[in-house]
């Protein structure tokens, strides 16, 4: 079975963040990193070349595919700041209604700038998702 290309590694989160060209995105990502550190009690780690993750869990699907992934994380992409909510969004309609301006993918929250969202709501969303995933996979 093929190994995941995106795995936790020893690359420096600070060096990665320093390399982000878009100054606002870099600062927003630093803010989210600090928030995630507080919420999870974990130190940020690089996953692959461009993802910053916190904590980890081991998953195994019925198909037999398995691997390790972070409980929550973020990445300063060109178009937006990506925030990974690994529990997905189906269970968070009420919180999302209070969050502000954003878009979502399967487990990804896309934010153009942090001023567009309520950071207290984001904190709650991250905390609940990370706790949910940790309980589900332990």
Protein backbone atom coordinates (compact mmCIF):
# COMPACT_ATOMS: atom_id res chain seq x y z
CA UNK A 1 0.00 0.00 0.00
CA UNK A 2 1.36 3.45 -0.90
CA UNK A 3 2.54 5.68 1.89
CA UNK A 4 0.99 9.10 2.32
CA UNK A 5 3.12 11.88 0.87
CA UNK A 6 1.95 14.27 3.56
CA UNK A 7 3.46 13.05 6.82
CA UNK A 8 4.66 14.75 9.94
CA UNK A 9 8.29 15.81 9.66
CA UNK A 10 10.95 17.80 11.47
CA UNK A 11 10.90 20.88 9.21
CA UNK A 12 10.67 24.19 11.04
CA UNK A 13 7.23 25.76 11.33
CA UNK A 14 8.88 29.17 11.87
CA UNK A 15 11.01 28.88 8.74
CA UNK A 16 7.94 27.86 6.75
CA UNK A 17 5.89 30.78 8.08
CA UNK A 18 8.74 33.20 7.40
CA UNK A 19 8.66 32.06 3.76
CA UNK A 20 5.00 33.02 3.22
CA UNK A 21 5.09 35.96 0.78
CA UNK A 22 1.70 37.47 1.55
CA UNK A 23 2.30 39.40 4.80
CA UNK A 24 -1.35 39.46 5.94
CA UNK A 25 -1.75 35.74 5.30
CA UNK A 26 1.49 35.05 7.21
CA UNK A 27 0.28 37.09 10.21
CA UNK A 28 -3.18 35.50 10.14
CA UNK A 29 -1.61 32.05 10.04
CA UNK A 30 0.61 32.90 13.02
CA UNK A 31 -2.51 33.96 14.94
CA UNK A 32 -4.30 30.70 14.09
CA UNK A 33 -1.19 28.69 15.04
CA UNK A 34 -1.18 30.34 18.48
CA UNK A 35 -4.90 29.70 18.87
CA UNK A 36 -4.47 26.04 17.93
CA UNK A 37 -1.57 25.66 20.38
CA UNK A 38 -3.78 27.00 23.18
CA UNK A 39 -6.79 24.88 22.24
CA UNK A 40 -4.98 21.57 21.70
CA UNK A 41 -2.08 21.91 24.13
CA UNK A 42 0.10 20.60 21.30
CA UNK A 43 3.11 22.14 19.57
CA UNK A 44 2.83 22.84 15.84
CA UNK A 45 4.52 20.37 13.50
CA UNK A 46 5.02 20.48 9.76
CA UNK A 47 3.13 17.88 7.76
CA UNK A 48 4.50 17.68 4.25
CA UNK A 49 5.85 20.93 2.85
CA UNK A 50 2.95 23.28 3.57
CA UNK A 51 0.64 22.03 6.32
CA UNK A 52 0.98 22.90 10.01
CA UNK A 53 -0.65 20.28 12.21
CA UNK A 54 -1.39 19.81 15.90
CA UNK A 55 -1.58 16.45 17.61
CA UNK A 56 -2.19 13.29 15.65
CA UNK A 57 -4.41 10.26 15.40
CA UNK A 58 -4.25 6.93 13.61
CA UNK A 59 -7.15 6.01 11.34
CA UNK A 60 -8.06 2.74 9.65
CA UNK A 61 -10.84 2.48 7.08
CA UNK A 62 -12.94 -0.61 6.40
CA UNK A 63 -11.08 -0.83 3.07
CA UNK A 64 -7.88 -1.54 5.02
CA UNK A 65 -6.32 1.82 4.21
CA UNK A 66 -4.79 3.41 7.28
CA UNK A 67 -2.51 6.23 8.27
CA UNK A 68 -1.77 9.07 10.63
CA UNK A 69 -3.09 12.61 10.45
CA UNK A 70 -3.30 15.72 12.59
CA UNK A 71 -6.23 16.60 14.87
CA UNK A 72 -6.37 20.11 13.46
CA UNK A 73 -4.14 22.27 11.35
CA UNK A 74 -3.78 25.16 8.96
CA UNK A 75 -1.99 26.31 5.85
CA UNK A 76 -1.47 29.79 4.39
CA UNK A 77 -2.51 29.15 0.79
CA UNK A 78 -2.34 31.78 -1.96
CA UNK A 79 -6.11 32.28 -2.20
CA UNK A 80 -7.02 31.95 1.48
CA UNK A 81 -6.02 30.65 4.87
CA UNK A 82 -7.02 26.99 5.08
CA UNK A 83 -8.08 25.71 8.50
CA UNK A 84 -8.54 21.97 8.86
CA UNK A 85 -11.60 20.86 10.84
CA UNK A 86 -11.15 17.10 10.65
CA UNK A 87 -14.61 16.29 12.04
CA UNK A 88 -16.13 17.94 8.97
CA UNK A 89 -18.94 20.49 9.20
CA UNK A 90 -22.25 18.59 9.37
CA UNK A 91 -22.34 18.76 13.16
CA UNK A 92 -21.53 22.49 13.34
CA UNK A 93 -24.41 24.32 11.64
CA UNK A 94 -25.05 26.55 14.68
CA UNK A 95 -21.37 27.54 15.07
CA UNK A 96 -20.94 28.14 11.35
CA UNK A 97 -23.96 30.44 11.46
CA UNK A 98 -22.06 32.65 13.93
CA UNK A 99 -18.59 32.38 12.39
CA UNK A 100 -18.70 35.06 9.70
CA UNK A 101 -17.48 35.06 6.09
CA UNK A 102 -15.88 31.79 4.91
CA UNK A 103 -16.15 28.87 2.49
CA UNK A 104 -15.85 25.16 3.21
CA UNK A 105 -14.59 22.00 1.59
CA UNK A 106 -14.97 18.52 3.05
CA UNK A 107 -12.85 19.23 6.15
CA UNK A 108 -11.40 22.58 5.23
CA UNK A 109 -12.49 26.05 6.25
CA UNK A 110 -11.30 28.74 3.84
CA UNK A 111 -10.92 32.26 5.28
CA UNK A 112 -9.67 35.25 3.29
CA UNK A 113 -8.70 37.25 6.38
CA UNK A 114 -9.26 36.71 10.09
CA UNK A 115 -11.19 39.98 10.39
CA UNK A 116 -13.95 38.22 8.43
CA UNK A 117 -14.64 35.71 11.21
CA UNK A 118 -15.28 35.57 14.96
CA UNK A 119 -12.15 34.10 16.59
CA UNK A 120 -14.07 32.94 19.68
CA UNK A 121 -16.37 30.89 17.45
CA UNK A 122 -13.33 29.56 15.54
CA UNK A 123 -11.75 28.55 18.86
CA UNK A 124 -14.89 26.63 19.84
CA UNK A 125 -15.08 24.95 16.43
CA UNK A 126 -11.44 23.84 16.56
CA UNK A 127 -11.73 22.62 20.16
CA UNK A 128 -14.87 20.57 19.54
CA UNK A 129 -13.56 19.06 16.32
CA UNK A 130 -10.18 18.10 17.82
CA UNK A 131 -11.88 16.57 20.87
CA UNK A 132 -14.34 14.67 18.68
CA UNK A 133 -11.58 13.21 16.48
CA UNK A 134 -9.38 12.32 19.48
CA UNK A 135 -12.27 10.42 21.14
CA UNK A 136 -13.31 8.72 17.91
CA UNK A 137 -9.84 7.35 17.14
CA UNK A 138 -8.63 6.33 20.60
